[in-house]
Amino acid sequence: MKEDSGDYWVYIEVNEGSYGGRHGKDGLDSVDNLVANTRNNPIEELEMRLPMRCNRYELREEGASAGKWRGGIGIVRTWEFLTDSLFTGEGDRHTDPPRGVFGGQDGLTGSMTLNPNTDGEQNLHAKLTNYKIRKGDLLEIRTPCAGGYGNPNERDPQMVLDDILDDFISKETVKEVYKVVIRNDFTIDEEATKQLRKGLEVLNS
């Protein structure tokens, strides 16, 4: 109930998930995969109409699942409740990650966390009905990241570099995951990459 007017309110959201990598294409990031043709409501509109504040809304920082074609990235969204509320969730994939295929890396499970990074942090079940949330509570929602398709060592090095520039994977882990050598000026060392993918040791890279 809104404290200023006493009116009851209802907010329904389809939080965006992701699609897995498939032959010839990477997975899609932050897409509705439960109900099609749904609107991504502007944060500003929701905050004007409802006693909630969105403190964070972005792609998950853990990055994409590796593959010849990478998996899609889910979202992380944090809501701050400005009044006592009841929450119902119909999530999934909180314990079993989306699986990679043909050598692709498994994806990441989703989660719902009440008051993350505090002494009162609590992991919530994927499915809840009328769960009591108090004024001032934070609810962090993470949707699953999809699995990769194919051997990561076969990914086009230019696509790997693009992922680094997009912050989908870190420069520090790309040698281990994709066997691609990126110079300090963010160019591809093609010869060193070929050696690394053949299993040869690469020095000074």
N, C-alpha and C. Protein backbone atom coordinates (compact mmCIF):
# COMPACT_ATOMS: atom_id res chain seq x y z
N MET A 1 0.85 -1.19 0.00
CA MET A 1 0.00 0.00 0.00
C MET A 1 0.89 1.25 0.00
N LYS A 2 0.53 2.24 -0.82
CA LYS A 2 1.29 3.48 -0.86
C LYS A 2 1.04 4.29 0.41
N GLU A 3 2.13 4.73 1.05
CA GLU A 3 2.00 5.43 2.32
C GLU A 3 1.34 6.81 2.15
N ASP A 4 1.58 7.47 1.01
CA ASP A 4 1.05 8.82 0.85
C ASP A 4 -0.45 8.85 0.55
N SER A 5 -0.93 7.84 -0.19
CA SER A 5 -2.34 7.85 -0.60
C SER A 5 -3.17 6.72 -0.02
N GLY A 6 -2.52 5.67 0.46
CA GLY A 6 -3.24 4.51 0.95
C GLY A 6 -3.73 3.59 -0.15
N ASP A 7 -3.36 3.87 -1.41
CA ASP A 7 -3.80 3.05 -2.52
C ASP A 7 -2.98 1.75 -2.59
N TYR A 8 -3.67 0.69 -2.99
CA TYR A 8 -2.96 -0.55 -3.27
C TYR A 8 -2.29 -0.45 -4.64
N TRP A 9 -1.19 -1.17 -4.82
CA TRP A 9 -0.48 -1.14 -6.09
C TRP A 9 0.03 -2.53 -6.43
N VAL A 10 0.17 -2.77 -7.71
CA VAL A 10 0.68 -4.05 -8.22
C VAL A 10 1.68 -3.75 -9.33
N TYR A 11 2.79 -4.43 -9.28
CA TYR A 11 3.82 -4.27 -10.32
C TYR A 11 4.22 -5.67 -10.79
N ILE A 12 4.12 -5.92 -12.07
CA ILE A 12 4.49 -7.21 -12.67
C ILE A 12 5.62 -6.98 -13.66
N GLU A 13 6.69 -7.77 -13.55
CA GLU A 13 7.85 -7.60 -14.40
C GLU A 13 8.33 -8.95 -14.92
N VAL A 14 8.66 -9.01 -16.20
CA VAL A 14 9.35 -10.16 -16.78
C VAL A 14 10.82 -9.78 -16.90
N ASN A 15 11.63 -10.25 -15.96
CA ASN A 15 13.06 -9.91 -15.98
C ASN A 15 13.76 -10.67 -17.10
N GLU A 16 14.61 -9.96 -17.83
CA GLU A 16 15.22 -10.51 -19.03
C GLU A 16 16.24 -11.59 -18.70
N GLY A 17 16.17 -12.66 -19.44
CA GLY A 17 17.17 -13.72 -19.34
C GLY A 17 18.12 -13.66 -20.52
N SER A 18 18.45 -14.83 -21.09
CA SER A 18 19.39 -14.86 -22.21
C SER A 18 19.21 -16.16 -22.98
N TYR A 19 19.72 -16.18 -24.21
CA TYR A 19 19.69 -17.38 -25.05
C TYR A 19 21.10 -17.94 -25.17
N GLY A 20 21.17 -19.25 -25.35
CA GLY A 20 22.45 -19.90 -25.51
C GLY A 20 23.06 -19.65 -26.88
N GLY A 21 24.37 -19.85 -26.95
CA GLY A 21 25.03 -19.78 -28.25
C GLY A 21 24.48 -20.86 -29.16
N ARG A 22 24.47 -20.60 -30.47
CA ARG A 22 24.00 -21.58 -31.43
C ARG A 22 24.92 -21.54 -32.63
N HIS A 23 24.84 -22.55 -33.47
CA HIS A 23 25.78 -22.65 -34.58
C HIS A 23 25.74 -21.39 -35.44
N GLY A 24 26.87 -20.71 -35.51
CA GLY A 24 27.00 -19.54 -36.36
C GLY A 24 26.71 -18.22 -35.69
N LYS A 25 26.16 -18.24 -34.45
CA LYS A 25 25.81 -16.99 -33.81
C LYS A 25 25.97 -17.09 -32.30
N ASP A 26 26.34 -15.96 -31.69
CA ASP A 26 26.38 -15.88 -30.23
C ASP A 26 24.96 -15.84 -29.67
N GLY A 27 24.86 -16.17 -28.38
CA GLY A 27 23.58 -16.06 -27.71
C GLY A 27 23.17 -14.61 -27.52
N LEU A 28 21.87 -14.40 -27.34
CA LEU A 28 21.34 -13.05 -27.15
C LEU A 28 21.40 -12.66 -25.68
N ASP A 29 21.76 -11.41 -25.43
CA ASP A 29 21.86 -10.89 -24.07
C ASP A 29 20.56 -10.19 -23.68
N SER A 30 20.17 -10.37 -22.42
CA SER A 30 19.08 -9.60 -21.83
C SER A 30 17.84 -9.58 -22.73
N VAL A 31 17.25 -10.75 -22.90
CA VAL A 31 16.04 -10.86 -23.73
C VAL A 31 14.96 -11.61 -22.95
N ASP A 32 13.71 -11.27 -23.24
CA ASP A 32 12.59 -11.99 -22.64
C ASP A 32 12.51 -13.37 -23.28
N ASN A 33 12.56 -14.41 -22.46
CA ASN A 33 12.44 -15.76 -23.00
C ASN A 33 11.33 -16.55 -22.31
N LEU A 34 10.44 -15.84 -21.63
CA LEU A 34 9.26 -16.48 -21.06
C LEU A 34 8.01 -16.04 -21.80
N VAL A 35 7.85 -14.75 -21.97
CA VAL A 35 6.70 -14.19 -22.67
C VAL A 35 7.21 -13.25 -23.75
N ALA A 36 6.78 -13.46 -24.97
CA ALA A 36 7.23 -12.61 -26.07
C ALA A 36 6.42 -11.32 -26.13
N ASN A 37 6.97 -10.35 -26.83
CA ASN A 37 6.29 -9.08 -27.08
C ASN A 37 5.94 -8.36 -25.77
N THR A 38 6.89 -8.34 -24.84
CA THR A 38 6.68 -7.61 -23.59
C THR A 38 7.50 -6.33 -23.60
N ARG A 39 7.05 -5.37 -22.85
CA ARG A 39 7.69 -4.06 -22.83
C ARG A 39 8.71 -3.98 -21.70
N ASN A 40 9.85 -3.38 -22.00
CA ASN A 40 10.84 -3.11 -20.96
C ASN A 40 10.52 -1.72 -20.39
N ASN A 41 9.81 -1.69 -19.27
CA ASN A 41 9.34 -0.42 -18.71
C ASN A 41 10.50 0.48 -18.31
N PRO A 42 10.44 1.76 -18.67
CA PRO A 42 11.49 2.69 -18.25
C PRO A 42 11.56 2.81 -16.73
N ILE A 43 12.76 2.80 -16.19
CA ILE A 43 12.95 2.91 -14.75
C ILE A 43 12.30 4.19 -14.21
N GLU A 44 12.46 5.30 -14.95
CA GLU A 44 11.94 6.57 -14.47
C GLU A 44 10.41 6.53 -14.31
N GLU A 45 9.74 5.87 -15.24
CA GLU A 45 8.28 5.77 -15.15
C GLU A 45 7.86 4.96 -13.94
N LEU A 46 8.55 3.85 -13.71
CA LEU A 46 8.20 3.00 -12.56
C LEU A 46 8.42 3.74 -11.25
N GLU A 47 9.53 4.46 -11.16
CA GLU A 47 9.82 5.16 -9.90
C GLU A 47 8.84 6.31 -9.64
N MET A 48 8.29 6.90 -10.69
CA MET A 48 7.31 7.96 -10.50
C MET A 48 5.97 7.41 -10.00
N ARG A 49 5.66 6.18 -10.42
CA ARG A 49 4.33 5.64 -10.13
C ARG A 49 4.29 4.71 -8.92
N LEU A 50 5.42 4.11 -8.58
CA LEU A 50 5.42 3.05 -7.57
C LEU A 50 6.40 3.36 -6.45
N PRO A 51 6.14 2.85 -5.24
CA PRO A 51 7.06 3.09 -4.11
C PRO A 51 8.26 2.15 -4.15
N MET A 52 9.00 2.21 -5.24
CA MET A 52 10.20 1.41 -5.43
C MET A 52 11.25 2.28 -6.10
N ARG A 53 12.50 1.94 -5.87
CA ARG A 53 13.60 2.65 -6.51
C ARG A 53 14.57 1.61 -7.07
N CYS A 54 14.95 1.77 -8.33
CA CYS A 54 15.89 0.84 -8.95
C CYS A 54 17.31 1.37 -8.75
N ASN A 55 18.11 0.67 -7.96
CA ASN A 55 19.47 1.09 -7.66
C ASN A 55 20.49 0.54 -8.66
N ARG A 56 20.10 -0.51 -9.39
CA ARG A 56 21.04 -1.11 -10.35
C ARG A 56 20.25 -1.89 -11.38
N TYR A 57 20.66 -1.76 -12.66
CA TYR A 57 20.01 -2.49 -13.73
C TYR A 57 20.99 -2.58 -14.89
N GLU A 58 21.61 -3.74 -15.08
CA GLU A 58 22.65 -3.88 -16.09
C GLU A 58 22.91 -5.34 -16.37
N LEU A 59 23.75 -5.61 -17.38
CA LEU A 59 24.17 -6.98 -17.64
C LEU A 59 25.01 -7.50 -16.48
N ARG A 60 24.92 -8.79 -16.21
CA ARG A 60 25.70 -9.39 -15.13
C ARG A 60 27.20 -9.22 -15.39
N GLU A 61 27.92 -8.90 -14.33
CA GLU A 61 29.34 -8.59 -14.48
C GLU A 61 30.21 -9.83 -14.64
N GLU A 62 29.66 -11.02 -14.39
CA GLU A 62 30.48 -12.23 -14.50
C GLU A 62 30.87 -12.53 -15.94
N GLY A 63 30.15 -11.97 -16.89
CA GLY A 63 30.52 -12.14 -18.29
C GLY A 63 29.84 -13.32 -18.95
N ALA A 64 30.19 -13.52 -20.22
CA ALA A 64 29.54 -14.53 -21.05
C ALA A 64 30.20 -15.89 -20.89
N SER A 65 29.40 -16.95 -21.03
CA SER A 65 29.93 -18.31 -21.02
C SER A 65 30.68 -18.57 -22.33
N ALA A 66 31.84 -19.16 -22.21
CA ALA A 66 32.73 -19.31 -23.36
C ALA A 66 32.24 -20.37 -24.33
N GLY A 67 32.58 -20.17 -25.58
CA GLY A 67 32.28 -21.14 -26.63
C GLY A 67 32.78 -20.61 -27.95
N LYS A 68 32.75 -21.46 -28.97
CA LYS A 68 33.03 -20.94 -30.32
C LYS A 68 32.04 -19.82 -30.61
N TRP A 69 30.82 -20.00 -30.12
CA TRP A 69 29.82 -18.94 -30.07
C TRP A 69 29.36 -18.84 -28.63
N ARG A 70 29.60 -17.70 -28.03
CA ARG A 70 29.41 -17.52 -26.59
C ARG A 70 27.93 -17.54 -26.21
N GLY A 71 27.68 -17.82 -24.94
CA GLY A 71 26.32 -17.75 -24.43
C GLY A 71 25.89 -16.32 -24.13
N GLY A 72 24.59 -16.11 -24.08
CA GLY A 72 24.06 -14.79 -23.78
C GLY A 72 24.21 -14.46 -22.30
N ILE A 73 24.12 -13.18 -21.98
CA ILE A 73 24.32 -12.69 -20.62
C ILE A 73 22.99 -12.23 -20.04
N GLY A 74 22.70 -12.69 -18.83
CA GLY A 74 21.50 -12.25 -18.13
C GLY A 74 21.71 -10.90 -17.45
N ILE A 75 20.73 -10.48 -16.69
CA ILE A 75 20.79 -9.17 -16.05
C ILE A 75 20.92 -9.30 -14.54
N VAL A 76 21.35 -8.21 -13.92
CA VAL A 76 21.26 -8.04 -12.47
C VAL A 76 20.48 -6.76 -12.23
N ARG A 77 19.52 -6.85 -11.32
CA ARG A 77 18.63 -5.72 -11.06
C ARG A 77 18.38 -5.65 -9.56
N THR A 78 18.56 -4.47 -8.98
CA THR A 78 18.37 -4.29 -7.55
C THR A 78 17.28 -3.27 -7.30
N TRP A 79 16.26 -3.70 -6.56
CA TRP A 79 15.15 -2.83 -6.18
C TRP A 79 15.22 -2.47 -4.71
N GLU A 80 14.98 -1.22 -4.41
CA GLU A 80 14.83 -0.76 -3.03
C GLU A 80 13.34 -0.46 -2.80
N PHE A 81 12.80 -1.05 -1.73
CA PHE A 81 11.37 -0.90 -1.45
C PHE A 81 11.16 0.27 -0.49
N LEU A 82 10.27 1.17 -0.85
CA LEU A 82 10.02 2.37 -0.06
C LEU A 82 8.81 2.23 0.85
N THR A 83 8.22 1.05 0.85
CA THR A 83 7.11 0.74 1.75
C THR A 83 7.06 -0.76 1.96
N ASP A 84 6.41 -1.22 3.02
CA ASP A 84 6.22 -2.65 3.22
C ASP A 84 5.47 -3.23 2.02
N SER A 85 5.90 -4.40 1.55
CA SER A 85 5.34 -4.96 0.32
C SER A 85 5.26 -6.48 0.43
N LEU A 86 4.50 -7.06 -0.49
CA LEU A 86 4.44 -8.51 -0.65
C LEU A 86 5.02 -8.86 -2.01
N PHE A 87 5.90 -9.87 -2.04
CA PHE A 87 6.61 -10.22 -3.27
C PHE A 87 6.30 -11.66 -3.66
N THR A 88 5.98 -11.86 -4.92
CA THR A 88 5.78 -13.19 -5.48
C THR A 88 6.72 -13.38 -6.65
N GLY A 89 7.45 -14.47 -6.66
CA GLY A 89 8.41 -14.74 -7.73
C GLY A 89 8.16 -16.09 -8.37
N GLU A 90 8.38 -16.16 -9.67
CA GLU A 90 8.23 -17.40 -10.43
C GLU A 90 9.49 -17.65 -11.25
N GLY A 91 10.63 -17.62 -10.58
CA GLY A 91 11.90 -17.82 -11.26
C GLY A 91 12.23 -19.28 -11.46
N ASP A 92 13.40 -19.53 -12.02
CA ASP A 92 13.88 -20.89 -12.27
C ASP A 92 15.39 -20.83 -12.45
N ARG A 93 15.99 -21.99 -12.58
CA ARG A 93 17.43 -22.10 -12.82
C ARG A 93 18.26 -21.47 -11.70
N HIS A 94 17.86 -21.71 -10.46
CA HIS A 94 18.65 -21.23 -9.33
C HIS A 94 19.64 -22.28 -8.83
N THR A 95 19.50 -23.51 -9.28
CA THR A 95 20.40 -24.57 -8.83
C THR A 95 21.08 -25.31 -9.98
N ASP A 96 20.46 -25.36 -11.13
CA ASP A 96 20.97 -26.12 -12.27
C ASP A 96 21.28 -25.15 -13.41
N PRO A 97 22.55 -24.92 -13.72
CA PRO A 97 22.88 -23.92 -14.74
C PRO A 97 22.53 -24.38 -16.14
N PRO A 98 22.26 -23.46 -17.04
CA PRO A 98 22.11 -23.83 -18.45
C PRO A 98 23.40 -24.47 -18.96
N ARG A 99 23.25 -25.57 -19.67
CA ARG A 99 24.43 -26.34 -20.08
C ARG A 99 24.98 -25.89 -21.42
N GLY A 100 26.31 -25.84 -21.50
CA GLY A 100 26.96 -25.64 -22.78
C GLY A 100 26.96 -26.93 -23.58
N VAL A 101 27.12 -26.83 -24.89
CA VAL A 101 27.11 -28.01 -25.74
C VAL A 101 28.33 -28.00 -26.67
N PHE A 102 28.75 -29.20 -27.06
CA PHE A 102 29.87 -29.39 -28.00
C PHE A 102 31.13 -28.66 -27.55
N GLY A 103 31.39 -28.72 -26.24
CA GLY A 103 32.59 -28.10 -25.68
C GLY A 103 32.38 -26.71 -25.13
N GLY A 104 31.19 -26.16 -25.30
CA GLY A 104 30.90 -24.83 -24.76
C GLY A 104 30.79 -24.86 -23.25
N GLN A 105 31.08 -23.74 -22.62
CA GLN A 105 31.06 -23.63 -21.17
C GLN A 105 29.61 -23.53 -20.66
N ASP A 106 29.37 -24.15 -19.50
CA ASP A 106 28.05 -24.02 -18.87
C ASP A 106 27.78 -22.57 -18.51
N GLY A 107 26.50 -22.23 -18.45
CA GLY A 107 26.11 -20.89 -18.05
C GLY A 107 26.10 -20.72 -16.53
N LEU A 108 25.43 -19.70 -16.05
CA LEU A 108 25.37 -19.38 -14.63
C LEU A 108 23.93 -19.42 -14.14
N THR A 109 23.76 -19.91 -12.94
CA THR A 109 22.42 -19.95 -12.36
C THR A 109 21.94 -18.54 -12.01
N GLY A 110 20.64 -18.41 -11.87
CA GLY A 110 20.06 -17.17 -11.39
C GLY A 110 19.98 -17.16 -9.88
N SER A 111 19.54 -16.04 -9.32
CA SER A 111 19.40 -15.94 -7.87
C SER A 111 18.52 -14.75 -7.53
N MET A 112 17.95 -14.79 -6.33
CA MET A 112 17.27 -13.64 -5.74
C MET A 112 17.80 -13.50 -4.33
N THR A 113 18.33 -12.34 -4.01
CA THR A 113 18.98 -12.11 -2.73
C THR A 113 18.36 -10.89 -2.06
N LEU A 114 17.93 -11.08 -0.83
CA LEU A 114 17.38 -9.98 -0.05
C LEU A 114 18.50 -9.32 0.74
N ASN A 115 18.61 -8.02 0.62
CA ASN A 115 19.63 -7.23 1.32
C ASN A 115 21.05 -7.78 1.10
N PRO A 116 21.49 -7.81 -0.16
CA PRO A 116 22.82 -8.36 -0.46
C PRO A 116 23.93 -7.53 0.17
N ASN A 117 25.02 -8.23 0.52
CA ASN A 117 26.22 -7.60 1.08
C ASN A 117 25.94 -6.87 2.39
N THR A 118 25.00 -7.39 3.17
CA THR A 118 24.71 -6.86 4.51
C THR A 118 24.66 -8.02 5.48
N ASP A 119 24.60 -7.69 6.78
CA ASP A 119 24.48 -8.75 7.79
C ASP A 119 23.16 -9.50 7.67
N GLY A 120 22.17 -8.87 7.08
CA GLY A 120 20.87 -9.51 6.92
C GLY A 120 20.66 -10.18 5.57
N GLU A 121 21.76 -10.43 4.84
CA GLU A 121 21.63 -11.05 3.52
C GLU A 121 20.92 -12.39 3.60
N GLN A 122 20.01 -12.62 2.65
CA GLN A 122 19.24 -13.86 2.64
C GLN A 122 18.97 -14.28 1.21
N ASN A 123 19.34 -15.52 0.88
CA ASN A 123 19.06 -16.06 -0.44
C ASN A 123 17.63 -16.58 -0.47
N LEU A 124 16.87 -16.14 -1.46
CA LEU A 124 15.47 -16.52 -1.56
C LEU A 124 15.29 -17.64 -2.57
N HIS A 125 14.22 -18.42 -2.38
CA HIS A 125 13.91 -19.49 -3.33
C HIS A 125 13.48 -18.89 -4.67
N ALA A 126 13.57 -19.69 -5.71
CA ALA A 126 13.20 -19.23 -7.04
C ALA A 126 11.71 -18.92 -7.13
N LYS A 127 10.90 -19.66 -6.38
CA LYS A 127 9.46 -19.47 -6.42
C LYS A 127 8.94 -19.13 -5.03
N LEU A 128 8.26 -17.98 -4.93
CA LEU A 128 7.75 -17.48 -3.66
C LEU A 128 6.35 -16.92 -3.87
N THR A 129 5.55 -16.94 -2.81
CA THR A 129 4.22 -16.35 -2.87
C THR A 129 4.00 -15.46 -1.66
N ASN A 130 3.71 -14.19 -1.91
CA ASN A 130 3.41 -13.22 -0.86
C ASN A 130 4.48 -13.19 0.24
N TYR A 131 5.73 -13.12 -0.20
CA TYR A 131 6.85 -13.02 0.74
C TYR A 131 6.91 -11.58 1.26
N LYS A 132 7.00 -11.43 2.57
CA LYS A 132 6.96 -10.10 3.17
C LYS A 132 8.31 -9.39 3.03
N ILE A 133 8.26 -8.23 2.42
CA ILE A 133 9.44 -7.37 2.28
C ILE A 133 9.16 -6.07 3.02
N ARG A 134 10.14 -5.64 3.80
CA ARG A 134 9.95 -4.46 4.64
C ARG A 134 10.47 -3.20 3.97
N LYS A 135 9.94 -2.09 4.38
CA LYS A 135 10.41 -0.80 3.89
C LYS A 135 11.92 -0.67 4.11
N GLY A 136 12.63 -0.28 3.08
CA GLY A 136 14.09 -0.15 3.16
C GLY A 136 14.85 -1.38 2.70
N ASP A 137 14.15 -2.52 2.50
CA ASP A 137 14.83 -3.72 2.03
C ASP A 137 15.28 -3.56 0.58
N LEU A 138 16.36 -4.27 0.23
CA LEU A 138 16.85 -4.35 -1.14
C LEU A 138 16.66 -5.76 -1.66
N LEU A 139 16.21 -5.88 -2.89
CA LEU A 139 16.06 -7.18 -3.53
C LEU A 139 16.89 -7.19 -4.80
N GLU A 140 17.90 -8.08 -4.83
CA GLU A 140 18.75 -8.23 -6.01
C GLU A 140 18.30 -9.45 -6.80
N ILE A 141 17.99 -9.24 -8.06
CA ILE A 141 17.57 -10.32 -8.95
C ILE A 141 18.65 -10.53 -10.00
N ARG A 142 19.13 -11.75 -10.13
CA ARG A 142 20.08 -12.12 -11.18
C ARG A 142 19.44 -13.21 -12.03
N THR A 143 19.34 -12.95 -13.33
CA THR A 143 18.80 -13.97 -14.21
C THR A 143 19.94 -14.81 -14.78
N PRO A 144 19.65 -16.05 -15.18
CA PRO A 144 20.72 -16.95 -15.63
C PRO A 144 21.44 -16.42 -16.87
N CYS A 145 22.72 -16.79 -16.96
CA CYS A 145 23.49 -16.60 -18.18
C CYS A 145 23.50 -17.93 -18.94
N ALA A 146 23.30 -17.87 -20.24
CA ALA A 146 23.15 -19.07 -21.05
C ALA A 146 24.49 -19.73 -21.35
N GLY A 147 24.44 -20.97 -21.82
CA GLY A 147 25.64 -21.73 -22.10
C GLY A 147 26.23 -21.44 -23.48
N GLY A 148 27.50 -21.76 -23.62
CA GLY A 148 28.19 -21.56 -24.88
C GLY A 148 28.03 -22.75 -25.82
N TYR A 149 28.38 -22.54 -27.07
CA TYR A 149 28.25 -23.57 -28.11
C TYR A 149 29.61 -23.74 -28.78
N GLY A 150 30.15 -24.95 -28.72
CA GLY A 150 31.40 -25.24 -29.42
C GLY A 150 32.64 -24.92 -28.60
N ASN A 151 33.76 -25.41 -29.08
CA ASN A 151 35.05 -25.26 -28.41
C ASN A 151 35.49 -23.80 -28.39
N PRO A 152 35.75 -23.23 -27.20
CA PRO A 152 36.19 -21.82 -27.13
C PRO A 152 37.48 -21.56 -27.90
N ASN A 153 38.34 -22.58 -28.04
CA ASN A 153 39.60 -22.39 -28.76
C ASN A 153 39.41 -22.20 -30.26
N GLU A 154 38.18 -22.40 -30.74
CA GLU A 154 37.87 -22.20 -32.15
C GLU A 154 37.19 -20.86 -32.40
N ARG A 155 37.04 -20.05 -31.36
CA ARG A 155 36.38 -18.76 -31.55
C ARG A 155 37.29 -17.81 -32.32
N ASP A 156 36.71 -17.06 -33.21
CA ASP A 156 37.45 -16.07 -33.99
C ASP A 156 38.13 -15.09 -33.04
N PRO A 157 39.45 -14.94 -33.11
CA PRO A 157 40.15 -14.03 -32.20
C PRO A 157 39.61 -12.60 -32.22
N GLN A 158 39.14 -12.14 -33.38
CA GLN A 158 38.58 -10.79 -33.43
C GLN A 158 37.31 -10.70 -32.60
N MET A 159 36.52 -11.77 -32.57
CA MET A 159 35.32 -11.79 -31.74
C MET A 159 35.70 -11.79 -30.27
N VAL A 160 36.79 -12.48 -29.94
CA VAL A 160 37.28 -12.47 -28.56
C VAL A 160 37.69 -11.06 -28.15
N LEU A 161 38.42 -10.38 -29.04
CA LEU A 161 38.82 -8.99 -28.75
C LEU A 161 37.59 -8.10 -28.59
N ASP A 162 36.60 -8.29 -29.43
CA ASP A 162 35.37 -7.50 -29.31
C ASP A 162 34.71 -7.73 -27.95
N ASP A 163 34.74 -8.97 -27.47
CA ASP A 163 34.17 -9.27 -26.15
C ASP A 163 34.93 -8.56 -25.04
N ILE A 164 36.25 -8.47 -25.19
CA ILE A 164 37.05 -7.75 -24.19
C ILE A 164 36.66 -6.27 -24.19
N LEU A 165 36.56 -5.69 -25.36
CA LEU A 165 36.23 -4.27 -25.47
C LEU A 165 34.82 -3.98 -24.97
N ASP A 166 33.95 -4.97 -25.04
CA ASP A 166 32.58 -4.82 -24.54
C ASP A 166 32.46 -5.20 -23.06
N ASP A 167 33.58 -5.57 -22.42
CA ASP A 167 33.60 -6.00 -21.01
C ASP A 167 32.80 -7.28 -20.78
N PHE A 168 32.73 -8.15 -21.80
CA PHE A 168 32.08 -9.44 -21.63
C PHE A 168 33.04 -10.49 -21.08
N ILE A 169 34.33 -10.22 -21.20
CA ILE A 169 35.36 -11.11 -20.65
C ILE A 169 36.56 -10.24 -20.35
N SER A 170 37.35 -10.62 -19.35
CA SER A 170 38.49 -9.80 -18.97
C SER A 170 39.72 -10.17 -19.80
N LYS A 171 40.57 -9.18 -20.03
CA LYS A 171 41.81 -9.40 -20.76
C LYS A 171 42.71 -10.39 -20.03
N GLU A 172 42.58 -10.45 -18.69
CA GLU A 172 43.45 -11.30 -17.88
C GLU A 172 43.11 -12.79 -18.05
N THR A 173 41.88 -13.12 -18.39
CA THR A 173 41.48 -14.53 -18.46
C THR A 173 41.37 -15.05 -19.89
N VAL A 174 41.52 -14.18 -20.88
CA VAL A 174 41.26 -14.60 -22.25
C VAL A 174 42.27 -15.63 -22.75
N LYS A 175 43.53 -15.56 -22.29
CA LYS A 175 44.52 -16.55 -22.72
C LYS A 175 44.13 -17.93 -22.23
N GLU A 176 43.66 -18.01 -21.00
CA GLU A 176 43.31 -19.32 -20.42
C GLU A 176 42.04 -19.88 -21.05
N VAL A 177 41.06 -19.03 -21.26
CA VAL A 177 39.75 -19.50 -21.72
C VAL A 177 39.71 -19.73 -23.23
N TYR A 178 40.24 -18.76 -24.00
CA TYR A 178 40.12 -18.80 -25.45
C TYR A 178 41.43 -19.07 -26.17
N LYS A 179 42.53 -19.09 -25.44
CA LYS A 179 43.85 -19.27 -26.06
C LYS A 179 44.10 -18.20 -27.13
N VAL A 180 43.81 -16.97 -26.76
CA VAL A 180 44.06 -15.83 -27.63
C VAL A 180 44.98 -14.86 -26.89
N VAL A 181 45.99 -14.33 -27.59
CA VAL A 181 46.95 -13.42 -26.98
C VAL A 181 46.63 -12.00 -27.43
N ILE A 182 46.34 -11.15 -26.45
CA ILE A 182 46.01 -9.76 -26.72
C ILE A 182 47.15 -8.88 -26.18
N ARG A 183 47.67 -8.01 -27.02
CA ARG A 183 48.75 -7.12 -26.60
C ARG A 183 48.21 -6.02 -25.69
N ASN A 184 49.13 -5.30 -25.07
CA ASN A 184 48.74 -4.21 -24.15
C ASN A 184 48.00 -3.09 -24.86
N ASP A 185 48.22 -2.95 -26.18
CA ASP A 185 47.51 -1.90 -26.91
C ASP A 185 46.20 -2.41 -27.51
N PHE A 186 45.75 -3.59 -27.00
CA PHE A 186 44.49 -4.20 -27.42
C PHE A 186 44.45 -4.51 -28.92
N THR A 187 45.55 -5.10 -29.38
CA THR A 187 45.59 -5.71 -30.71
C THR A 187 45.89 -7.19 -30.53
N ILE A 188 45.59 -7.98 -31.54
CA ILE A 188 45.75 -9.43 -31.46
C ILE A 188 47.15 -9.82 -31.93
N ASP A 189 47.85 -10.59 -31.12
CA ASP A 189 49.12 -11.18 -31.54
C ASP A 189 48.78 -12.49 -32.23
N GLU A 190 48.66 -12.44 -33.56
CA GLU A 190 48.16 -13.60 -34.30
C GLU A 190 49.12 -14.79 -34.24
N GLU A 191 50.42 -14.53 -34.33
CA GLU A 191 51.39 -15.62 -34.31
C GLU A 191 51.40 -16.30 -32.94
N ALA A 192 51.40 -15.49 -31.88
CA ALA A 192 51.38 -16.07 -30.54
C ALA A 192 50.09 -16.83 -30.28
N THR A 193 49.00 -16.34 -30.84
CA THR A 193 47.71 -17.04 -30.69
C THR A 193 47.75 -18.39 -31.37
N LYS A 194 48.32 -18.45 -32.58
CA LYS A 194 48.44 -19.73 -33.28
C LYS A 194 49.27 -20.72 -32.47
N GLN A 195 50.39 -20.24 -31.91
CA GLN A 195 51.23 -21.12 -31.11
C GLN A 195 50.49 -21.62 -29.88
N LEU A 196 49.80 -20.71 -29.21
CA LEU A 196 49.09 -21.07 -27.99
C LEU A 196 48.01 -22.10 -28.28
N ARG A 197 47.32 -21.93 -29.39
CA ARG A 197 46.25 -22.88 -29.73
C ARG A 197 46.78 -24.22 -30.21
N LYS A 198 48.05 -24.26 -30.58
CA LYS A 198 48.69 -25.53 -30.91
C LYS A 198 49.26 -26.22 -29.67
N GLY A 199 49.14 -25.56 -28.52
CA GLY A 199 49.65 -26.12 -27.27
C GLY A 199 51.08 -25.77 -26.98
N LEU A 200 51.63 -24.81 -27.74
CA LEU A 200 53.02 -24.39 -27.52
C LEU A 200 53.07 -23.27 -26.51
N GLU A 201 54.17 -23.20 -25.76
CA GLU A 201 54.33 -22.16 -24.76
C GLU A 201 54.61 -20.82 -25.44
N VAL A 202 53.97 -19.79 -24.93
CA VAL A 202 54.15 -18.46 -25.48
C VAL A 202 54.82 -17.59 -24.41
N LEU A 203 55.95 -17.00 -24.76
CA LEU A 203 56.70 -16.19 -23.81
C LEU A 203 56.51 -14.72 -24.11
N ASN A 204 56.63 -13.91 -23.04
CA ASN A 204 56.61 -12.44 -23.17
C ASN A 204 55.36 -11.95 -23.91
N SER A 205 54.22 -12.47 -23.50
CA SER A 205 52.97 -12.04 -24.12
C SER A 205 51.96 -11.69 -23.07
